N, C-alpha and C. Protein backbone atom coordinates (compact mmCIF):
# COMPACT_ATOMS: atom_id res chain seq x y z
N MET A 1 10.73 -66.06 -86.75
CA MET A 1 11.17 -64.48 -85.78
C MET A 1 12.48 -63.36 -87.01
N GLU A 2 12.98 -64.08 -88.17
CA GLU A 2 13.79 -63.65 -89.06
C GLU A 2 14.29 -62.92 -88.27
N LEU A 3 15.14 -64.19 -87.13
CA LEU A 3 16.97 -63.52 -87.00
C LEU A 3 17.35 -65.19 -86.39
N PRO A 4 18.67 -65.08 -86.97
CA PRO A 4 19.14 -66.36 -87.14
C PRO A 4 19.00 -66.48 -85.58
N GLY A 5 19.02 -68.58 -85.01
CA GLY A 5 19.50 -68.84 -83.44
C GLY A 5 18.92 -68.18 -83.02
N LEU A 6 17.61 -67.38 -82.90
CA LEU A 6 16.47 -67.59 -81.64
C LEU A 6 15.36 -68.20 -82.67
N LEU A 7 14.76 -68.79 -81.70
CA LEU A 7 13.17 -69.13 -82.06
C LEU A 7 12.31 -69.22 -80.94
N ARG A 8 11.22 -69.04 -80.93
CA ARG A 8 10.12 -69.13 -80.23
C ARG A 8 9.41 -70.79 -80.24
N LEU A 9 9.10 -71.27 -79.24
CA LEU A 9 8.37 -72.12 -78.95
C LEU A 9 6.64 -72.17 -78.87
N ARG A 10 5.79 -72.23 -79.68
CA ARG A 10 4.16 -72.11 -79.05
C ARG A 10 4.13 -73.73 -78.14
N LEU A 11 4.08 -73.80 -76.59
CA LEU A 11 3.74 -74.98 -76.03
C LEU A 11 2.18 -75.30 -75.88
N ASP A 12 1.63 -74.45 -75.91
CA ASP A 12 0.13 -75.03 -76.61
C ASP A 12 -0.87 -73.22 -76.31
N GLY A 13 -1.97 -73.41 -76.02
CA GLY A 13 -3.05 -72.01 -76.94
C GLY A 13 -2.24 -71.06 -75.84
N VAL A 14 -1.50 -71.34 -74.97
CA VAL A 14 -1.47 -70.37 -73.82
C VAL A 14 0.28 -69.81 -73.14
N ALA A 15 0.82 -71.02 -73.58
CA ALA A 15 2.71 -70.98 -72.91
C ALA A 15 3.21 -71.12 -74.70
N GLN A 16 4.17 -70.32 -74.14
CA GLN A 16 5.46 -70.45 -75.12
C GLN A 16 6.74 -70.33 -74.29
N CYS A 17 8.11 -69.95 -75.50
CA CYS A 17 9.09 -70.51 -74.28
C CYS A 17 10.19 -69.82 -75.62
N TYR A 18 11.68 -69.48 -75.73
CA TYR A 18 12.38 -68.92 -77.29
C TYR A 18 13.18 -69.93 -76.47
N LEU A 19 14.38 -69.74 -77.03
CA LEU A 19 15.53 -70.71 -77.68
C LEU A 19 16.51 -70.16 -78.14
N VAL A 20 17.74 -69.76 -77.65
CA VAL A 20 19.05 -68.90 -78.01
C VAL A 20 19.81 -69.83 -78.01
N ARG A 21 20.68 -70.07 -79.39
CA ARG A 21 21.88 -70.77 -80.08
C ARG A 21 22.69 -69.74 -79.86
N ASP A 22 24.00 -70.37 -78.73
CA ASP A 22 25.38 -69.71 -79.33
C ASP A 22 26.09 -71.33 -79.98
N ASP A 23 27.67 -70.03 -79.62
CA ASP A 23 28.00 -71.62 -80.52
C ASP A 23 28.58 -73.12 -79.74
N ASP A 24 28.43 -72.22 -77.85
CA ASP A 24 28.62 -73.79 -77.36
C ASP A 24 26.50 -74.55 -77.20
N GLY A 25 26.19 -73.76 -77.58
CA GLY A 25 24.90 -74.62 -77.00
C GLY A 25 23.65 -73.45 -76.72
N VAL A 26 22.79 -73.92 -76.48
CA VAL A 26 21.09 -72.86 -76.37
C VAL A 26 20.98 -72.66 -74.78
N THR A 27 20.36 -70.91 -74.81
CA THR A 27 19.76 -70.87 -73.91
C THR A 27 18.24 -70.70 -73.86
N VAL A 28 17.34 -71.89 -72.83
CA VAL A 28 16.06 -71.30 -72.80
C VAL A 28 15.55 -70.50 -71.39
N ILE A 29 14.65 -69.85 -72.36
CA ILE A 29 13.54 -68.96 -71.89
C ILE A 29 12.58 -68.69 -71.51
N ASP A 30 12.60 -69.45 -70.32
CA ASP A 30 10.79 -69.71 -69.86
C ASP A 30 10.89 -70.82 -70.68
N THR A 31 9.64 -71.86 -69.81
CA THR A 31 9.87 -73.11 -70.21
C THR A 31 8.16 -73.92 -70.42
N GLY A 32 7.17 -72.45 -70.03
CA GLY A 32 5.66 -72.87 -70.26
C GLY A 32 4.63 -73.33 -69.10
N THR A 33 4.07 -74.42 -69.29
CA THR A 33 3.06 -75.13 -67.91
C THR A 33 3.66 -76.82 -68.38
N ALA A 34 3.74 -77.00 -66.50
CA ALA A 34 3.83 -78.47 -66.65
C ALA A 34 4.15 -79.36 -68.11
N GLY A 35 4.43 -80.19 -68.09
CA GLY A 35 4.43 -81.18 -69.00
C GLY A 35 5.09 -81.40 -70.64
N HIS A 36 5.48 -79.85 -70.63
CA HIS A 36 6.27 -79.80 -71.52
C HIS A 36 7.75 -79.71 -71.85
N ALA A 37 8.77 -80.24 -71.27
CA ALA A 37 10.07 -80.62 -70.65
C ALA A 37 10.47 -81.23 -71.82
N GLY A 38 9.85 -82.25 -72.62
CA GLY A 38 10.51 -82.85 -73.58
C GLY A 38 10.74 -82.57 -74.94
N PRO A 39 9.09 -81.51 -75.19
CA PRO A 39 9.79 -80.80 -76.67
C PRO A 39 10.65 -80.20 -76.32
N ILE A 40 10.76 -79.23 -75.21
CA ILE A 40 11.33 -78.05 -75.33
C ILE A 40 12.61 -79.23 -75.31
N ALA A 41 12.75 -80.35 -74.77
CA ALA A 41 14.86 -80.83 -74.76
C ALA A 41 14.82 -81.33 -75.97
N ARG A 42 13.69 -81.70 -77.15
CA ARG A 42 13.74 -81.72 -78.06
C ARG A 42 14.05 -80.95 -79.14
N TRP A 43 13.57 -79.72 -79.35
CA TRP A 43 14.26 -78.76 -79.60
C TRP A 43 15.42 -78.38 -79.54
N ALA A 44 15.75 -77.86 -78.25
CA ALA A 44 16.66 -77.32 -78.49
C ALA A 44 18.16 -78.51 -78.77
N ALA A 45 17.91 -80.15 -78.47
CA ALA A 45 18.96 -80.58 -79.38
C ALA A 45 19.12 -80.33 -80.55
N GLU A 46 18.24 -79.74 -81.29
CA GLU A 46 18.76 -79.17 -82.77
C GLU A 46 19.83 -78.38 -82.56
N PHE A 47 19.74 -77.73 -81.74
CA PHE A 47 21.00 -76.32 -81.33
C PHE A 47 22.05 -76.89 -80.96
N GLY A 48 21.75 -77.89 -80.03
CA GLY A 48 22.96 -78.00 -78.83
C GLY A 48 22.61 -77.95 -77.49
N PRO A 49 23.40 -78.15 -76.86
CA PRO A 49 23.09 -78.84 -75.55
C PRO A 49 22.55 -77.51 -75.11
N VAL A 50 21.53 -77.78 -73.59
CA VAL A 50 21.00 -76.86 -73.20
C VAL A 50 21.25 -76.32 -71.90
N ARG A 51 22.39 -75.33 -72.22
CA ARG A 51 23.27 -74.30 -71.00
C ARG A 51 22.99 -73.77 -69.77
N ARG A 52 21.56 -73.03 -70.11
CA ARG A 52 20.90 -72.51 -68.51
C ARG A 52 19.78 -72.26 -69.45
N ILE A 53 18.15 -71.71 -67.93
CA ILE A 53 17.12 -72.32 -68.66
C ILE A 53 16.91 -70.87 -67.43
N VAL A 54 16.38 -69.79 -68.59
CA VAL A 54 16.30 -68.34 -67.47
C VAL A 54 14.84 -68.17 -67.44
N LEU A 55 14.23 -68.18 -66.02
CA LEU A 55 12.45 -67.65 -65.44
C LEU A 55 12.48 -66.08 -65.63
N THR A 56 11.52 -65.91 -66.56
CA THR A 56 11.44 -64.92 -66.69
C THR A 56 10.41 -64.10 -65.37
N HIS A 57 9.73 -64.66 -64.57
CA HIS A 57 9.16 -65.07 -63.71
C HIS A 57 8.40 -66.46 -63.13
N HIS A 58 7.98 -65.93 -62.10
CA HIS A 58 7.87 -67.53 -61.42
C HIS A 58 6.55 -68.07 -61.75
N HIS A 59 5.35 -67.52 -62.51
CA HIS A 59 4.09 -68.35 -62.65
C HIS A 59 4.63 -69.89 -63.44
N ALA A 60 3.36 -69.98 -63.57
CA ALA A 60 3.00 -71.70 -63.51
C ALA A 60 3.14 -72.02 -65.85
N ASP A 61 2.85 -70.50 -65.99
CA ASP A 61 2.34 -70.33 -67.42
C ASP A 61 4.45 -70.50 -68.09
N HIS A 62 4.81 -70.58 -67.14
CA HIS A 62 6.60 -70.24 -67.23
C HIS A 62 7.46 -70.76 -66.98
N ALA A 63 7.00 -70.85 -65.64
CA ALA A 63 8.19 -71.51 -64.53
C ALA A 63 7.47 -73.61 -64.71
N GLY A 64 6.92 -73.72 -65.51
CA GLY A 64 5.87 -74.69 -64.76
C GLY A 64 6.39 -75.72 -65.42
N SER A 65 7.09 -76.04 -66.40
CA SER A 65 8.56 -77.90 -66.37
C SER A 65 9.88 -77.00 -66.29
N ALA A 66 10.03 -76.14 -65.68
CA ALA A 66 11.54 -75.72 -64.91
C ALA A 66 12.18 -77.36 -65.14
N ALA A 67 11.34 -77.60 -63.57
CA ALA A 67 11.96 -78.65 -63.09
C ALA A 67 12.40 -79.78 -63.80
N ALA A 68 11.35 -79.93 -64.40
CA ALA A 68 11.15 -81.66 -65.84
C ALA A 68 11.96 -81.16 -66.61
N LEU A 69 12.35 -80.00 -67.06
CA LEU A 69 14.15 -79.37 -68.30
C LEU A 69 15.24 -79.28 -67.66
N ARG A 70 15.12 -78.89 -66.44
CA ARG A 70 16.66 -79.12 -65.53
C ARG A 70 16.94 -80.75 -65.25
N ALA A 71 15.95 -81.49 -64.82
CA ALA A 71 16.47 -83.19 -64.41
C ALA A 71 16.53 -83.79 -66.20
N LEU A 72 16.10 -83.07 -67.60
CA LEU A 72 16.63 -84.55 -68.53
C LEU A 72 18.00 -83.44 -69.05
N THR A 73 18.48 -82.10 -68.51
CA THR A 73 19.13 -81.54 -69.01
C THR A 73 20.43 -81.35 -68.70
N GLY A 74 19.98 -81.18 -66.77
CA GLY A 74 20.58 -80.46 -66.35
C GLY A 74 21.93 -79.48 -66.52
N ALA A 75 21.09 -78.64 -66.75
CA ALA A 75 21.32 -76.86 -67.25
C ALA A 75 20.85 -76.52 -65.63
N PRO A 76 21.21 -75.59 -65.25
CA PRO A 76 20.90 -74.46 -64.09
C PRO A 76 20.35 -73.96 -64.37
N VAL A 77 18.88 -73.84 -63.51
CA VAL A 77 17.76 -73.05 -63.12
C VAL A 77 17.70 -71.47 -63.13
N LEU A 78 18.12 -70.03 -63.99
CA LEU A 78 18.14 -68.76 -63.29
C LEU A 78 16.93 -67.79 -62.69
N ALA A 79 16.56 -67.37 -61.74
CA ALA A 79 15.54 -66.32 -61.75
C ALA A 79 15.79 -65.73 -60.54
N HIS A 80 15.00 -64.82 -60.93
CA HIS A 80 15.26 -63.23 -59.34
C HIS A 80 15.28 -63.98 -58.30
N ALA A 81 16.09 -63.00 -57.09
CA ALA A 81 15.41 -63.78 -56.23
C ALA A 81 14.63 -63.20 -55.25
N ALA A 82 13.81 -62.65 -55.79
CA ALA A 82 12.38 -61.89 -55.04
C ALA A 82 11.63 -63.30 -55.70
N ASP A 83 11.44 -63.57 -56.39
CA ASP A 83 10.69 -64.68 -57.31
C ASP A 83 11.67 -66.33 -56.68
N ALA A 84 12.87 -66.38 -56.49
CA ALA A 84 12.61 -67.91 -56.43
C ALA A 84 12.42 -68.88 -55.49
N PRO A 85 12.42 -67.89 -54.09
CA PRO A 85 11.07 -68.34 -52.94
C PRO A 85 10.42 -69.67 -53.45
N VAL A 86 9.51 -68.75 -55.29
CA VAL A 86 8.29 -69.44 -55.54
C VAL A 86 8.76 -70.60 -56.22
N VAL A 87 9.41 -70.49 -56.97
CA VAL A 87 10.03 -70.97 -57.66
C VAL A 87 10.23 -72.52 -57.15
N ARG A 88 11.06 -72.20 -55.95
CA ARG A 88 11.73 -73.71 -54.86
C ARG A 88 10.41 -74.45 -54.58
N GLY A 89 9.12 -73.54 -54.32
CA GLY A 89 8.08 -74.38 -53.62
C GLY A 89 8.22 -74.01 -52.18
N GLU A 90 8.78 -72.84 -51.62
CA GLU A 90 8.69 -72.66 -50.57
C GLU A 90 8.20 -71.62 -49.78
N VAL A 91 7.61 -71.33 -51.29
CA VAL A 91 6.39 -69.96 -50.13
C VAL A 91 5.16 -69.68 -51.56
N GLU A 92 4.21 -69.50 -50.96
CA GLU A 92 2.93 -69.76 -51.73
C GLU A 92 2.84 -68.48 -52.62
N PRO A 93 2.28 -68.91 -53.87
CA PRO A 93 2.43 -67.48 -55.03
C PRO A 93 1.55 -66.15 -54.46
N PRO A 94 1.98 -65.17 -54.68
CA PRO A 94 1.38 -64.13 -54.07
C PRO A 94 0.18 -64.08 -55.25
N PRO A 95 -1.46 -63.56 -54.74
CA PRO A 95 -2.41 -63.71 -55.94
C PRO A 95 -2.32 -62.45 -56.63
N PRO A 96 -3.24 -62.95 -58.16
CA PRO A 96 -3.01 -60.82 -58.53
C PRO A 96 -4.35 -60.20 -58.69
N VAL A 97 -3.72 -59.01 -58.33
CA VAL A 97 -4.70 -57.16 -58.34
C VAL A 97 -5.37 -58.26 -59.80
N LEU A 98 -6.41 -57.58 -59.73
CA LEU A 98 -7.04 -57.42 -61.11
C LEU A 98 -8.22 -56.56 -61.14
N THR A 99 -7.64 -56.25 -62.60
CA THR A 99 -8.56 -54.52 -62.55
C THR A 99 -9.19 -55.04 -62.74
N ASP A 100 -10.69 -54.88 -63.79
CA ASP A 100 -12.02 -54.62 -64.55
C ASP A 100 -11.78 -55.02 -65.62
N GLU A 101 -10.42 -54.52 -66.27
CA GLU A 101 -10.39 -55.18 -67.63
C GLU A 101 -9.26 -56.47 -67.19
N ASP A 102 -8.91 -57.02 -66.23
CA ASP A 102 -8.66 -58.42 -66.31
C ASP A 102 -9.67 -59.34 -66.24
N ARG A 103 -11.19 -58.95 -65.27
CA ARG A 103 -11.85 -60.17 -64.29
C ARG A 103 -12.38 -61.03 -65.80
N PRO A 104 -12.82 -60.13 -66.96
CA PRO A 104 -13.41 -61.14 -67.88
C PRO A 104 -12.43 -61.82 -68.59
N LEU A 105 -11.21 -61.25 -68.72
CA LEU A 105 -10.01 -62.31 -69.11
C LEU A 105 -10.01 -63.39 -68.34
N TRP A 106 -9.33 -63.30 -67.17
CA TRP A 106 -9.75 -63.86 -65.74
C TRP A 106 -10.49 -65.07 -65.26
N GLU A 107 -11.95 -64.76 -65.56
CA GLU A 107 -12.80 -65.75 -65.49
C GLU A 107 -11.99 -66.38 -67.27
N ALA A 108 -12.84 -66.20 -68.26
CA ALA A 108 -12.03 -66.70 -69.43
C ALA A 108 -11.12 -67.88 -69.47
N ILE A 109 -10.33 -67.76 -68.85
CA ILE A 109 -9.24 -69.15 -68.87
C ILE A 109 -9.06 -70.07 -67.79
N ALA A 110 -10.51 -69.61 -66.65
CA ALA A 110 -10.42 -70.35 -65.63
C ALA A 110 -10.87 -72.31 -66.28
N PRO A 111 -10.26 -72.69 -65.37
CA PRO A 111 -9.34 -72.44 -64.48
C PRO A 111 -8.03 -72.28 -64.48
N PRO A 112 -7.07 -72.78 -63.73
CA PRO A 112 -5.50 -71.71 -63.68
C PRO A 112 -5.31 -73.04 -64.74
N PRO A 113 -3.54 -72.84 -65.05
CA PRO A 113 -2.79 -73.92 -64.96
C PRO A 113 -2.38 -74.52 -63.86
N PRO A 114 -2.35 -76.10 -63.79
CA PRO A 114 -1.63 -76.68 -62.63
C PRO A 114 -0.10 -75.30 -61.92
N PRO A 115 -0.13 -76.21 -60.90
CA PRO A 115 0.92 -75.14 -60.19
C PRO A 115 2.50 -75.52 -60.74
N ALA A 116 2.81 -74.46 -60.70
CA ALA A 116 4.75 -75.18 -61.13
C ALA A 116 5.10 -76.23 -60.62
N PRO A 117 5.48 -77.38 -60.70
CA PRO A 117 6.57 -78.36 -59.60
C PRO A 117 7.57 -77.13 -59.30
N PRO A 118 7.93 -77.31 -57.43
CA PRO A 118 9.11 -77.24 -57.20
C PRO A 118 10.55 -77.33 -58.07
N CYS A 119 11.31 -76.24 -57.87
CA CYS A 119 12.05 -76.88 -58.80
C CYS A 119 12.92 -75.93 -58.36
N PRO A 120 14.64 -76.78 -57.88
CA PRO A 120 15.61 -75.36 -57.43
C PRO A 120 16.14 -74.65 -58.28
N VAL A 121 16.49 -73.55 -57.83
CA VAL A 121 17.52 -72.14 -58.72
C VAL A 121 18.79 -72.63 -58.38
N ASP A 122 19.49 -72.77 -58.98
CA ASP A 122 20.91 -73.09 -59.12
C ASP A 122 21.52 -71.52 -59.10
N GLY A 123 20.96 -70.26 -59.61
CA GLY A 123 21.77 -68.91 -59.94
C GLY A 123 20.45 -67.90 -59.86
N GLU A 124 20.60 -66.86 -58.51
CA GLU A 124 19.72 -65.80 -58.43
C GLU A 124 20.61 -65.08 -59.37
N VAL A 125 19.32 -64.13 -60.05
CA VAL A 125 20.37 -62.96 -60.72
C VAL A 125 19.11 -61.63 -60.67
N ALA A 126 19.91 -60.86 -60.91
CA ALA A 126 20.02 -59.28 -59.81
C ALA A 126 19.77 -58.36 -61.09
N ASP A 127 19.14 -57.17 -61.54
CA ASP A 127 19.37 -56.12 -62.20
C ASP A 127 21.12 -56.15 -62.28
N GLY A 128 21.18 -55.62 -63.79
CA GLY A 128 22.26 -54.96 -64.26
C GLY A 128 23.16 -56.41 -64.59
N ASP A 129 22.87 -57.73 -63.74
CA ASP A 129 24.07 -58.73 -63.74
C ASP A 129 24.37 -58.51 -65.48
N VAL A 130 25.09 -59.32 -66.63
CA VAL A 130 25.37 -60.09 -67.66
C VAL A 130 25.30 -61.14 -67.68
N LEU A 131 24.67 -62.23 -68.10
CA LEU A 131 24.86 -63.54 -68.56
C LEU A 131 25.03 -63.46 -70.19
N PRO A 132 25.95 -64.56 -69.93
CA PRO A 132 27.16 -65.06 -71.32
C PRO A 132 26.44 -65.74 -72.57
N PHE A 133 24.93 -64.89 -72.72
CA PHE A 133 24.24 -65.57 -74.40
C PHE A 133 24.02 -64.63 -75.09
N GLY A 134 23.89 -64.98 -76.06
CA GLY A 134 23.67 -63.48 -77.22
C GLY A 134 24.38 -62.59 -76.99
N GLY A 135 25.58 -62.73 -77.12
CA GLY A 135 26.15 -61.30 -76.73
C GLY A 135 26.22 -61.01 -75.54
N GLY A 136 25.95 -61.37 -74.57
CA GLY A 136 25.62 -60.99 -73.75
C GLY A 136 23.94 -59.66 -73.15
N ALA A 137 23.15 -60.92 -72.40
CA ALA A 137 21.90 -60.79 -72.00
C ALA A 137 21.87 -60.29 -70.54
N ARG A 138 21.45 -58.61 -70.45
CA ARG A 138 21.31 -57.59 -69.18
C ARG A 138 20.59 -57.97 -69.07
N VAL A 139 20.50 -58.22 -67.45
CA VAL A 139 18.84 -58.54 -66.73
C VAL A 139 18.79 -57.29 -66.54
N LEU A 140 17.53 -56.91 -66.06
CA LEU A 140 16.50 -55.85 -66.36
C LEU A 140 15.38 -56.03 -65.17
N SER A 141 15.18 -55.52 -63.67
CA SER A 141 14.25 -55.92 -63.11
C SER A 141 13.40 -55.36 -62.78
N ILE A 142 11.89 -56.09 -63.38
CA ILE A 142 11.43 -55.13 -63.83
C ILE A 142 10.14 -55.52 -63.23
N PRO A 143 9.94 -55.39 -62.00
CA PRO A 143 8.64 -55.54 -60.71
C PRO A 143 7.12 -55.10 -61.61
N GLY A 144 6.62 -55.48 -60.71
CA GLY A 144 4.50 -55.36 -60.71
C GLY A 144 4.25 -56.50 -61.35
N HIS A 145 4.20 -57.32 -62.25
CA HIS A 145 3.74 -58.55 -63.04
C HIS A 145 3.88 -59.80 -62.14
N THR A 146 4.97 -59.77 -61.42
CA THR A 146 5.75 -60.06 -59.74
C THR A 146 6.66 -59.43 -59.18
N ASP A 147 6.85 -60.03 -57.91
CA ASP A 147 8.07 -58.94 -57.84
C ASP A 147 9.40 -58.85 -58.39
N GLY A 148 9.79 -59.80 -58.69
CA GLY A 148 11.26 -60.63 -58.98
C GLY A 148 10.85 -60.86 -60.77
N SER A 149 9.90 -60.19 -61.40
CA SER A 149 10.24 -59.80 -62.58
C SER A 149 11.21 -59.55 -63.40
N ILE A 150 11.89 -60.16 -64.51
CA ILE A 150 12.87 -59.94 -65.18
C ILE A 150 12.21 -59.87 -66.71
N ALA A 151 13.45 -59.16 -67.37
CA ALA A 151 13.48 -59.03 -68.53
C ALA A 151 15.46 -59.02 -69.27
N LEU A 152 15.65 -59.49 -70.50
CA LEU A 152 16.87 -59.75 -70.59
C LEU A 152 17.12 -58.70 -71.77
N HIS A 153 18.16 -57.48 -71.85
CA HIS A 153 18.28 -57.31 -73.26
C HIS A 153 19.42 -57.78 -73.82
N LEU A 154 19.03 -58.02 -74.50
CA LEU A 154 21.00 -58.83 -75.84
C LEU A 154 20.87 -57.35 -76.89
N PRO A 155 21.69 -56.76 -75.96
CA PRO A 155 21.81 -55.42 -77.53
C PRO A 155 23.14 -56.06 -79.07
N ALA A 156 23.15 -56.88 -78.81
CA ALA A 156 24.74 -57.34 -79.96
C ALA A 156 23.48 -57.93 -80.90
N LEU A 157 22.37 -57.54 -81.09
CA LEU A 157 21.26 -58.95 -81.48
C LEU A 157 19.77 -57.60 -81.92
N GLY A 158 20.33 -57.16 -80.88
CA GLY A 158 18.71 -55.74 -80.60
C GLY A 158 17.25 -56.72 -80.66
N VAL A 159 17.53 -57.17 -79.49
CA VAL A 159 16.15 -57.98 -78.41
C VAL A 159 16.39 -57.75 -77.37
N LEU A 160 15.18 -58.01 -77.35
CA LEU A 160 14.56 -57.74 -75.62
C LEU A 160 13.37 -59.09 -75.43
N PHE A 161 13.94 -60.11 -74.61
CA PHE A 161 13.06 -60.87 -73.50
C PHE A 161 11.98 -59.91 -72.32
N THR A 162 10.25 -59.27 -72.75
CA THR A 162 10.28 -58.88 -71.35
C THR A 162 9.02 -59.89 -70.49
N GLY A 163 9.55 -61.04 -70.79
CA GLY A 163 8.34 -62.05 -69.85
C GLY A 163 6.84 -61.04 -70.40
N ASP A 164 5.72 -61.30 -69.19
CA ASP A 164 4.83 -60.74 -68.96
C ASP A 164 5.13 -59.44 -68.88
N ALA A 165 5.56 -58.69 -68.95
CA ALA A 165 5.14 -57.49 -69.01
C ALA A 165 4.28 -56.83 -69.52
N LEU A 166 4.72 -57.23 -70.79
CA LEU A 166 3.95 -56.47 -72.05
C LEU A 166 3.72 -57.76 -72.90
N ALA A 167 3.12 -57.87 -73.36
CA ALA A 167 2.43 -58.42 -74.46
C ALA A 167 1.63 -58.04 -75.88
N SER A 168 1.50 -59.13 -76.73
CA SER A 168 1.35 -59.03 -77.74
C SER A 168 0.10 -59.36 -78.82
N VAL A 169 -1.04 -59.61 -77.62
CA VAL A 169 -1.74 -61.12 -77.82
C VAL A 169 -3.44 -59.95 -78.20
N GLY A 170 -3.64 -60.30 -79.65
CA GLY A 170 -4.72 -59.17 -80.15
C GLY A 170 -4.00 -57.19 -80.94
N GLY A 171 -3.54 -57.53 -80.62
CA GLY A 171 -2.83 -55.95 -81.14
C GLY A 171 -1.14 -55.59 -80.97
N PRO A 172 -0.70 -54.40 -80.93
CA PRO A 172 0.48 -53.68 -80.43
C PRO A 172 0.91 -54.64 -79.07
N LEU A 173 2.46 -53.90 -78.84
CA LEU A 173 2.35 -53.72 -77.71
C LEU A 173 1.98 -53.69 -76.39
N ARG A 174 1.27 -54.01 -75.51
CA ARG A 174 0.75 -53.52 -74.90
C ARG A 174 1.50 -54.17 -72.97
N PRO A 175 1.11 -52.86 -71.55
CA PRO A 175 0.79 -53.82 -70.25
C PRO A 175 0.33 -55.21 -70.50
N GLY A 176 0.85 -56.43 -69.63
CA GLY A 176 0.61 -57.62 -69.60
C GLY A 176 -0.44 -57.15 -68.25
N VAL A 177 -1.55 -58.06 -67.85
CA VAL A 177 -2.50 -58.44 -67.77
C VAL A 177 -2.04 -59.61 -65.79
N PHE A 178 -3.09 -59.46 -65.17
CA PHE A 178 -2.87 -60.20 -63.94
C PHE A 178 -1.65 -59.85 -63.21
N ASN A 179 -1.37 -58.65 -62.87
CA ASN A 179 -0.04 -58.30 -62.01
C ASN A 179 -1.07 -58.40 -60.45
N THR A 180 0.52 -58.15 -59.76
CA THR A 180 0.50 -57.52 -58.47
C THR A 180 0.99 -56.73 -58.10
N ASP A 181 1.37 -55.61 -58.79
CA ASP A 181 0.98 -54.32 -58.46
C ASP A 181 1.01 -53.35 -59.97
N ARG A 182 0.10 -53.11 -60.11
CA ARG A 182 -0.10 -52.23 -61.57
C ARG A 182 1.31 -51.01 -61.74
N VAL A 183 1.04 -49.86 -60.57
CA VAL A 183 1.82 -48.93 -60.46
C VAL A 183 3.39 -49.18 -61.30
N ARG A 184 3.50 -50.46 -60.03
CA ARG A 184 5.17 -50.79 -60.01
C ARG A 184 5.14 -51.50 -62.09
N LEU A 185 4.39 -52.05 -62.09
CA LEU A 185 3.77 -52.64 -63.98
C LEU A 185 4.23 -51.07 -64.76
N GLU A 186 3.60 -50.70 -64.60
CA GLU A 186 3.78 -49.18 -65.27
C GLU A 186 5.02 -48.36 -65.49
N GLU A 187 6.04 -48.51 -64.50
CA GLU A 187 7.59 -48.10 -64.13
C GLU A 187 8.01 -48.82 -65.20
N SER A 188 7.79 -50.25 -65.06
CA SER A 188 8.40 -51.12 -65.28
C SER A 188 8.47 -50.99 -67.36
N VAL A 189 7.16 -51.14 -67.36
CA VAL A 189 6.55 -51.21 -68.83
C VAL A 189 7.67 -49.94 -69.55
N ARG A 190 7.45 -48.44 -68.62
CA ARG A 190 8.44 -47.42 -69.17
C ARG A 190 9.73 -47.84 -69.84
N ARG A 191 10.76 -48.02 -68.70
CA ARG A 191 11.64 -48.32 -68.68
C ARG A 191 12.09 -49.80 -69.98
N LEU A 192 11.07 -50.32 -70.01
CA LEU A 192 11.52 -51.43 -71.01
C LEU A 192 10.97 -50.78 -72.29
N LEU A 193 10.30 -49.95 -72.69
CA LEU A 193 9.94 -48.81 -73.91
C LEU A 193 10.97 -48.36 -74.31
N ALA A 194 12.15 -47.88 -73.22
CA ALA A 194 13.22 -47.03 -73.59
C ALA A 194 13.88 -47.35 -73.73
N VAL A 195 14.01 -48.53 -73.67
CA VAL A 195 15.79 -49.87 -74.05
C VAL A 195 15.84 -49.19 -75.93
N GLY A 196 14.78 -49.53 -75.97
CA GLY A 196 15.04 -49.44 -77.71
C GLY A 196 15.07 -50.73 -78.92
N ALA A 197 14.62 -51.80 -78.60
CA ALA A 197 15.26 -52.83 -78.67
C ALA A 197 14.18 -53.18 -80.24
N ASP A 198 15.24 -53.66 -81.40
CA ASP A 198 14.76 -53.46 -82.58
C ASP A 198 13.58 -54.49 -82.49
N LEU A 199 13.81 -56.42 -81.63
CA LEU A 199 12.59 -57.36 -81.79
C LEU A 199 12.49 -57.41 -80.30
N VAL A 200 11.27 -56.98 -79.39
CA VAL A 200 10.56 -57.53 -78.69
C VAL A 200 9.67 -58.66 -79.15
N CYS A 201 10.73 -59.43 -77.70
CA CYS A 201 10.03 -61.32 -77.20
C CYS A 201 9.52 -60.97 -76.46
N VAL A 202 7.64 -61.16 -76.29
CA VAL A 202 6.57 -60.92 -75.45
C VAL A 202 6.68 -62.72 -74.97
N GLY A 203 5.51 -61.93 -73.37
CA GLY A 203 5.68 -63.24 -72.81
C GLY A 203 4.53 -64.04 -73.95
N HIS A 204 3.45 -63.74 -74.15
CA HIS A 204 2.55 -63.94 -74.85
C HIS A 204 1.85 -63.58 -76.09
N GLY A 205 2.04 -63.91 -76.81
CA GLY A 205 1.65 -63.11 -78.79
C GLY A 205 3.29 -63.31 -79.48
N LYS A 206 3.20 -62.64 -80.47
CA LYS A 206 4.16 -63.24 -81.30
C LYS A 206 5.16 -61.80 -80.86
N PRO A 207 6.22 -62.21 -81.31
CA PRO A 207 7.41 -61.05 -81.09
C PRO A 207 7.24 -59.94 -81.73
N VAL A 208 7.52 -58.61 -81.85
CA VAL A 208 6.95 -57.27 -82.42
C VAL A 208 8.10 -56.17 -82.98
N ARG A 209 8.55 -56.05 -83.58
CA ARG A 209 9.60 -55.42 -84.88
C ARG A 209 9.43 -54.08 -84.74
N THR A 210 9.99 -53.13 -83.95
CA THR A 210 9.61 -51.81 -83.27
C THR A 210 10.13 -50.54 -84.41
N GLY A 211 11.51 -51.39 -85.34
CA GLY A 211 12.39 -50.42 -86.20
C GLY A 211 13.41 -49.09 -85.66
N ALA A 212 13.08 -49.64 -84.69
CA ALA A 212 14.56 -49.04 -83.67
C ALA A 212 15.86 -49.88 -84.48
N PRO A 213 16.71 -49.25 -84.17
CA PRO A 213 17.82 -49.08 -84.81
C PRO A 213 19.18 -50.01 -83.85
N ARG A 214 19.77 -51.44 -83.70
CA ARG A 214 20.65 -51.75 -83.05
C ARG A 214 21.81 -50.92 -82.42
């Protein structure tokens, strides 16, 4: 991705995650579907010990390997308070509200990925929190895809991790699909676009250079 210390891992045909390296170790952002903890841990070991696992939201293609990766590495799992009960397996995830545009894609990828095994959440994050990696990663609450979706803005690196609020599959940046609340998602997308990050790392698709100054 042309940025030292930042690695995108494509885990299967759908899922991906990101590794951010600091002097003291690695932060893992999302974990893909179940079954990928081993490969993620092996890649992370090239950078250093895993210090934390941050979930952008509770969906199984992002949180599916969180429990296993936590067990392998001992790293704490962080998620937004609104999504944490789903990650922990305490409540069922609400289904998406499919638009006419969503339906053909939803049918094309059926069946959905297996449910994410329940995973302890060691820390609940909120809008405005700053996490100690990448020169300071500011948490942005961006509800709409899920109630507890978050983005992570790393101003020192000019990087924005958006989870599934934005995607780049098949073209430029666009709002994500399979959302619980399209209106709130659109508000969140406007917030993300106003950040002005140079490198936008999406939940599905390649990172996008915007040309914005740091």
